[in-house]
Amino acid sequence: MLFTNKKICTSNIEVKRNVIHINDVTCTKFLGVFIDKKLTRKDHISNLCNKLSKSMAII
């Protein structure tokens, strides 16, 4: 993911650090919160629902 305040097409941007290529991802976990490219909470909420359903099955 690339965060910027400018409207640019980020689909073809390659990011490299020294000679290491950094892959583009659609969703990442940061400080316990899942963040996707459009900054929606869908992935985070679905992950919470999965965790809750697993814990409820144990009870």
C-alpha atoms as a PDB file:
ATOM      1  CA  MET A   1       0.000   0.000   0.000  1.00  0.00           C
ATOM      2  CA  LEU A   2       1.141   3.486  -0.771  1.00  0.00           C
ATOM      3  CA  PHE A   3      -0.316   6.406   1.160  1.00  0.00           C
ATOM      4  CA  THR A   4      -0.139   9.864  -0.372  1.00  0.00           C
ATOM      5  CA  ASN A   5      -2.121  13.089  -0.381  1.00  0.00           C
ATOM      6  CA  LYS A   6      -2.007  13.265  -4.174  1.00  0.00           C
ATOM      7  CA  LYS A   7      -4.321  11.485  -6.577  1.00  0.00           C
ATOM      8  CA  ILE A   8      -2.032   9.221  -8.565  1.00  0.00           C
ATOM      9  CA  CYS A   9      -2.445   5.819 -10.123  1.00  0.00           C
ATOM     10  CA  THR A  10      -0.600   3.476  -7.774  1.00  0.00           C
ATOM     11  CA  SER A  11      -1.148   0.232  -9.683  1.00  0.00           C
ATOM     12  CA  ASN A  12       2.220   0.239 -11.472  1.00  0.00           C
ATOM     13  CA  ILE A  13       4.539   1.702  -8.852  1.00  0.00           C
ATOM     14  CA  GLU A  14       7.593  -0.346  -7.882  1.00  0.00           C
ATOM     15  CA  VAL A  15       9.149   0.340  -4.504  1.00  0.00           C
ATOM     16  CA  LYS A  16      12.731  -0.705  -3.861  1.00  0.00           C
ATOM     17  CA  ARG A  17      14.920  -0.329  -0.796  1.00  0.00           C
ATOM     18  CA  ASN A  18      18.564  -0.716  -1.852  1.00  0.00           C
ATOM     19  CA  VAL A  19      18.201  -3.786  -4.090  1.00  0.00           C
ATOM     20  CA  ILE A  20      15.246  -5.350  -2.270  1.00  0.00           C
ATOM     21  CA  HIS A  21      11.902  -5.159  -4.085  1.00  0.00           C
ATOM     22  CA  ILE A  22       9.005  -4.371  -1.700  1.00  0.00           C
ATOM     23  CA  ASN A  23       5.779  -6.105  -2.722  1.00  0.00           C
ATOM     24  CA  ASP A  24       2.450  -4.300  -2.929  1.00  0.00           C
ATOM     25  CA  VAL A  25      -0.299  -5.719  -0.700  1.00  0.00           C
ATOM     26  CA  THR A  26      -4.031  -5.115  -0.602  1.00  0.00           C
ATOM     27  CA  CYS A  27      -4.380  -5.443   3.165  1.00  0.00           C
ATOM     28  CA  THR A  28      -1.955  -5.207   6.083  1.00  0.00           C
ATOM     29  CA  LYS A  29      -2.118  -5.415   9.866  1.00  0.00           C
ATOM     30  CA  PHE A  30      -0.855  -2.333  11.707  1.00  0.00           C
ATOM     31  CA  LEU A  31      -1.060  -2.060  15.505  1.00  0.00           C
ATOM     32  CA  GLY A  32      -3.689  -4.809  15.595  1.00  0.00           C
ATOM     33  CA  VAL A  33      -5.945  -3.180  12.998  1.00  0.00           C
ATOM     34  CA  PHE A  34      -6.339  -4.511   9.460  1.00  0.00           C
ATOM     35  CA  ILE A  35      -6.048  -1.719   6.891  1.00  0.00           C
ATOM     36  CA  ASP A  36      -6.849  -2.109   3.200  1.00  0.00           C
ATOM     37  CA  LYS A  37      -6.084   0.140   0.244  1.00  0.00           C
ATOM     38  CA  LYS A  38      -9.381   2.014   0.450  1.00  0.00           C
ATOM     39  CA  LEU A  39      -9.169   2.415   4.253  1.00  0.00           C
ATOM     40  CA  THR A  40     -12.402   0.514   4.871  1.00  0.00           C
ATOM     41  CA  ARG A  41     -12.904  -1.645   7.938  1.00  0.00           C
ATOM     42  CA  LYS A  42     -14.289  -4.708   6.119  1.00  0.00           C
ATOM     43  CA  ASP A  43     -11.205  -6.912   6.605  1.00  0.00           C
ATOM     44  CA  HIS A  44     -10.865  -5.885  10.245  1.00  0.00           C
ATOM     45  CA  ILE A  45     -14.527  -6.569  11.023  1.00  0.00           C
ATOM     46  CA  SER A  46     -14.516  -9.933   9.241  1.00  0.00           C
ATOM     47  CA  ASN A  47     -11.391 -10.940  11.166  1.00  0.00           C
ATOM     48  CA  LEU A  48     -13.048  -9.937  14.457  1.00  0.00           C
ATOM     49  CA  CYS A  49     -16.173 -11.906  13.556  1.00  0.00           C
ATOM     50  CA  ASN A  50     -14.068 -14.996  12.804  1.00  0.00           C
ATOM     51  CA  LYS A  51     -12.262 -14.701  16.151  1.00  0.00           C
ATOM     52  CA  LEU A  52     -15.543 -14.208  18.010  1.00  0.00           C
ATOM     53  CA  SER A  53     -17.221 -17.179  16.332  1.00  0.00           C
ATOM     54  CA  LYS A  54     -14.247 -19.410  17.230  1.00  0.00           C
ATOM     55  CA  SER A  55     -14.295 -18.279  20.854  1.00  0.00           C
ATOM     56  CA  MET A  56     -18.069 -18.708  21.082  1.00  0.00           C
ATOM     57  CA  ALA A  57     -17.739 -22.276  19.750  1.00  0.00           C
ATOM     58  CA  ILE A  58     -15.343 -23.066  22.608  1.00  0.00           C
ATOM     59  CA  ILE A  59     -17.825 -21.781  25.191  1.00  0.00           C
END
